[in-house]
Amino acid sequence: MNKAQKHYIELIKLSRFNQFNGKLVAADLITFQHLWKATIMTRSSYNHPHAKDYSDCTNLITLRDLPDGENNVDTLFLLPAKGKADELRRLVKMWNPDRIEWIGGERAADTLGSYPQKGKKVILSAWWD
């Protein structure tokens, strides 16, 4: 695991709210790293009144709460390892997210800033309320 990814895992450990247990999720991510290529946890986007579309929405609550030592996040995003998408989803389901969804096609390309990739299971998203 590269240094940048280790830092994201450490940030995940700092979060605990409702059904989300950052220490458990981080430990499982380390144990089962053969199931994924990369992961981050951030805030989900929201509908800002001046936004033209989904890609214009940025949620900076995390920035607001950092001075208090809080990593205010709610959505985990994972890139599955080749051939491991279904197994990764089963693992994520064990963490009791309120919503699990696959992001694929044009939407995945837009959010990753890349060309469309084949398949519907490009990014796994898990959200906790």
C-alpha atoms as a PDB file:
ATOM      1  CA  MET A   1       0.000   0.000   0.000  1.00  0.00           C
ATOM      2  CA  ASN A   2       1.429   3.372  -0.970  1.00  0.00           C
ATOM      3  CA  LYS A   3       2.012   6.219   1.489  1.00  0.00           C
ATOM      4  CA  ALA A   4      -0.909   8.369   0.297  1.00  0.00           C
ATOM      5  CA  GLN A   5      -3.354   5.461   0.631  1.00  0.00           C
ATOM      6  CA  LYS A   6      -2.072   4.752   4.159  1.00  0.00           C
ATOM      7  CA  HIS A   7      -2.897   8.336   5.099  1.00  0.00           C
ATOM      8  CA  TYR A   8      -6.470   7.952   3.847  1.00  0.00           C
ATOM      9  CA  ILE A   9      -6.843   4.761   5.885  1.00  0.00           C
ATOM     10  CA  GLU A  10      -5.607   6.646   8.972  1.00  0.00           C
ATOM     11  CA  LEU A  11      -8.240   9.351   8.386  1.00  0.00           C
ATOM     12  CA  ILE A  12     -10.948   6.679   8.124  1.00  0.00           C
ATOM     13  CA  LYS A  13      -9.855   5.356  11.545  1.00  0.00           C
ATOM     14  CA  LEU A  14     -10.614   8.760  13.092  1.00  0.00           C
ATOM     15  CA  SER A  15     -14.301   8.648  12.166  1.00  0.00           C
ATOM     16  CA  ARG A  16     -17.072   7.088  14.207  1.00  0.00           C
ATOM     17  CA  PHE A  17     -20.742   8.043  13.977  1.00  0.00           C
ATOM     18  CA  ASN A  18     -24.120   6.284  13.957  1.00  0.00           C
ATOM     19  CA  GLN A  19     -23.498   2.863  12.319  1.00  0.00           C
ATOM     20  CA  PHE A  20     -20.050   3.782  11.008  1.00  0.00           C
ATOM     21  CA  ASN A  21     -17.041   2.385  12.889  1.00  0.00           C
ATOM     22  CA  GLY A  22     -13.884   3.800  11.332  1.00  0.00           C
ATOM     23  CA  LYS A  23     -11.488   1.548  13.234  1.00  0.00           C
ATOM     24  CA  LEU A  24     -13.300  -1.595  12.054  1.00  0.00           C
ATOM     25  CA  VAL A  25     -13.563  -0.378   8.459  1.00  0.00           C
ATOM     26  CA  ALA A  26      -9.875   0.605   8.376  1.00  0.00           C
ATOM     27  CA  ALA A  27      -8.815  -2.754   9.833  1.00  0.00           C
ATOM     28  CA  ASP A  28     -10.905  -4.631   7.254  1.00  0.00           C
ATOM     29  CA  LEU A  29      -9.552  -2.479   4.433  1.00  0.00           C
ATOM     30  CA  ILE A  30      -6.019  -3.398   5.468  1.00  0.00           C
ATOM     31  CA  THR A  31      -6.863  -7.087   5.898  1.00  0.00           C
ATOM     32  CA  PHE A  32      -8.739  -7.334   2.610  1.00  0.00           C
ATOM     33  CA  GLN A  33      -6.670  -4.952   0.486  1.00  0.00           C
ATOM     34  CA  HIS A  34      -6.553  -7.590  -2.245  1.00  0.00           C
ATOM     35  CA  LEU A  35     -10.212  -6.675  -2.966  1.00  0.00           C
ATOM     36  CA  TRP A  36      -9.596  -3.030  -3.852  1.00  0.00           C
ATOM     37  CA  LYS A  37      -7.146  -0.756  -5.699  1.00  0.00           C
ATOM     38  CA  ALA A  38      -7.848   2.562  -3.959  1.00  0.00           C
ATOM     39  CA  THR A  39     -10.211   4.061  -1.400  1.00  0.00           C
ATOM     40  CA  ILE A  40     -11.093   7.436   0.046  1.00  0.00           C
ATOM     41  CA  MET A  41     -13.756   8.671   2.423  1.00  0.00           C
ATOM     42  CA  THR A  42     -15.256  12.121   2.073  1.00  0.00           C
ATOM     43  CA  ARG A  43     -18.559  13.972   2.245  1.00  0.00           C
ATOM     44  CA  SER A  44     -21.208  13.236  -0.330  1.00  0.00           C
ATOM     45  CA  SER A  45     -22.147  16.066  -2.637  1.00  0.00           C
ATOM     46  CA  TYR A  46     -25.216  18.133  -2.024  1.00  0.00           C
ATOM     47  CA  ASN A  47     -27.515  20.267  -4.137  1.00  0.00           C
ATOM     48  CA  HIS A  48     -26.249  23.806  -3.873  1.00  0.00           C
ATOM     49  CA  PRO A  49     -28.723  26.390  -5.176  1.00  0.00           C
ATOM     50  CA  HIS A  50     -26.132  27.814  -7.597  1.00  0.00           C
ATOM     51  CA  ALA A  51     -24.907  24.441  -8.895  1.00  0.00           C
ATOM     52  CA  LYS A  52     -25.576  23.629 -12.542  1.00  0.00           C
ATOM     53  CA  ASP A  53     -25.295  19.870 -12.024  1.00  0.00           C
ATOM     54  CA  TYR A  54     -23.969  17.132  -9.732  1.00  0.00           C
ATOM     55  CA  SER A  55     -20.326  17.849 -10.581  1.00  0.00           C
ATOM     56  CA  ASP A  56     -20.626  21.463  -9.366  1.00  0.00           C
ATOM     57  CA  CYS A  57     -21.431  20.430  -5.808  1.00  0.00           C
ATOM     58  CA  THR A  58     -18.678  20.469  -3.213  1.00  0.00           C
ATOM     59  CA  ASN A  59     -19.293  19.822   0.463  1.00  0.00           C
ATOM     60  CA  LEU A  60     -16.739  21.487   2.762  1.00  0.00           C
ATOM     61  CA  ILE A  61     -18.161  20.487   6.157  1.00  0.00           C
ATOM     62  CA  THR A  62     -14.964  18.481   6.705  1.00  0.00           C
ATOM     63  CA  LEU A  63     -12.941  21.668   6.312  1.00  0.00           C
ATOM     64  CA  ARG A  64     -15.241  23.442   8.767  1.00  0.00           C
ATOM     65  CA  ASP A  65     -14.807  20.749  11.438  1.00  0.00           C
ATOM     66  CA  LEU A  66     -11.060  20.066  11.126  1.00  0.00           C
ATOM     67  CA  PRO A  67     -10.127  22.772  13.685  1.00  0.00           C
ATOM     68  CA  ASP A  68     -12.117  20.709  16.226  1.00  0.00           C
ATOM     69  CA  GLY A  69     -10.220  17.534  15.292  1.00  0.00           C
ATOM     70  CA  GLU A  70     -13.217  15.969  13.556  1.00  0.00           C
ATOM     71  CA  ASN A  71     -13.014  14.148  10.247  1.00  0.00           C
ATOM     72  CA  ASN A  72     -16.623  14.805   9.243  1.00  0.00           C
ATOM     73  CA  VAL A  73     -17.201  12.343   6.385  1.00  0.00           C
ATOM     74  CA  ASP A  74     -20.082  10.120   5.314  1.00  0.00           C
ATOM     75  CA  THR A  75     -19.237   8.337   2.043  1.00  0.00           C
ATOM     76  CA  LEU A  76     -16.602   5.709   1.320  1.00  0.00           C
ATOM     77  CA  PHE A  77     -15.539   5.252  -2.305  1.00  0.00           C
ATOM     78  CA  LEU A  78     -13.613   2.207  -3.480  1.00  0.00           C
ATOM     79  CA  LEU A  79     -12.098   1.095  -6.775  1.00  0.00           C
ATOM     80  CA  PRO A  80     -12.420  -2.702  -6.851  1.00  0.00           C
ATOM     81  CA  ALA A  81      -9.532  -4.946  -7.809  1.00  0.00           C
ATOM     82  CA  LYS A  82     -10.036  -6.784 -11.098  1.00  0.00           C
ATOM     83  CA  GLY A  83     -12.588  -9.570 -10.672  1.00  0.00           C
ATOM     84  CA  LYS A  84     -13.266  -8.692  -6.998  1.00  0.00           C
ATOM     85  CA  ALA A  85     -16.262  -6.339  -7.299  1.00  0.00           C
ATOM     86  CA  ASP A  86     -18.882  -8.705  -5.883  1.00  0.00           C
ATOM     87  CA  GLU A  87     -16.624  -9.877  -3.050  1.00  0.00           C
ATOM     88  CA  LEU A  88     -15.824  -6.255  -2.174  1.00  0.00           C
ATOM     89  CA  ARG A  89     -19.537  -5.393  -2.053  1.00  0.00           C
ATOM     90  CA  ARG A  90     -20.154  -8.280   0.361  1.00  0.00           C
ATOM     91  CA  LEU A  91     -17.410  -6.936   2.648  1.00  0.00           C
ATOM     92  CA  VAL A  92     -18.779  -3.390   2.552  1.00  0.00           C
ATOM     93  CA  LYS A  93     -22.288  -4.648   3.326  1.00  0.00           C
ATOM     94  CA  MET A  94     -20.953  -6.082   6.619  1.00  0.00           C
ATOM     95  CA  TRP A  95     -20.165  -2.498   7.750  1.00  0.00           C
ATOM     96  CA  ASN A  96     -23.899  -1.633   7.740  1.00  0.00           C
ATOM     97  CA  PRO A  97     -23.964   1.377   5.429  1.00  0.00           C
ATOM     98  CA  ASP A  98     -27.325   3.028   4.858  1.00  0.00           C
ATOM     99  CA  ARG A  99     -26.782   2.884   1.089  1.00  0.00           C
ATOM    100  CA  ILE A 100     -24.449   0.949  -1.213  1.00  0.00           C
ATOM    101  CA  GLU A 101     -24.309   1.736  -4.909  1.00  0.00           C
ATOM    102  CA  TRP A 102     -22.150   1.078  -7.936  1.00  0.00           C
ATOM    103  CA  ILE A 103     -21.121   4.038 -10.054  1.00  0.00           C
ATOM    104  CA  GLY A 104     -20.307   3.137 -13.638  1.00  0.00           C
ATOM    105  CA  GLY A 105     -20.275   4.336 -17.225  1.00  0.00           C
ATOM    106  CA  GLU A 106     -20.348   8.063 -17.953  1.00  0.00           C
ATOM    107  CA  ARG A 107     -20.968   8.997 -14.322  1.00  0.00           C
ATOM    108  CA  ALA A 108     -17.859   7.120 -13.206  1.00  0.00           C
ATOM    109  CA  ALA A 109     -15.853   8.702 -16.002  1.00  0.00           C
ATOM    110  CA  ASP A 110     -17.067  12.180 -15.022  1.00  0.00           C
ATOM    111  CA  THR A 111     -16.244  11.741 -11.335  1.00  0.00           C
ATOM    112  CA  LEU A 112     -12.845  10.163 -12.033  1.00  0.00           C
ATOM    113  CA  GLY A 113     -11.967  12.636 -14.767  1.00  0.00           C
ATOM    114  CA  SER A 114     -11.332   9.858 -17.270  1.00  0.00           C
ATOM    115  CA  TYR A 115     -12.788   8.123 -20.276  1.00  0.00           C
ATOM    116  CA  PRO A 116     -15.733   5.752 -19.740  1.00  0.00           C
ATOM    117  CA  GLN A 117     -14.644   2.345 -18.560  1.00  0.00           C
ATOM    118  CA  LYS A 118     -16.354  -0.849 -19.594  1.00  0.00           C
ATOM    119  CA  GLY A 119     -18.742  -2.289 -17.042  1.00  0.00           C
ATOM    120  CA  LYS A 120     -21.130  -0.936 -14.487  1.00  0.00           C
ATOM    121  CA  LYS A 121     -19.049  -1.764 -11.407  1.00  0.00           C
ATOM    122  CA  VAL A 122     -16.346   0.901 -11.598  1.00  0.00           C
ATOM    123  CA  ILE A 123     -16.659   2.674  -8.215  1.00  0.00           C
ATOM    124  CA  LEU A 124     -18.341   1.250  -5.114  1.00  0.00           C
ATOM    125  CA  SER A 125     -19.943   3.917  -2.935  1.00  0.00           C
ATOM    126  CA  ALA A 126     -21.094   3.327   0.651  1.00  0.00           C
ATOM    127  CA  TRP A 127     -22.935   6.051   2.558  1.00  0.00           C
ATOM    128  CA  TRP A 128     -23.768   6.307   6.240  1.00  0.00           C
ATOM    129  CA  ASP A 129     -26.362   8.706   7.643  1.00  0.00           C
END
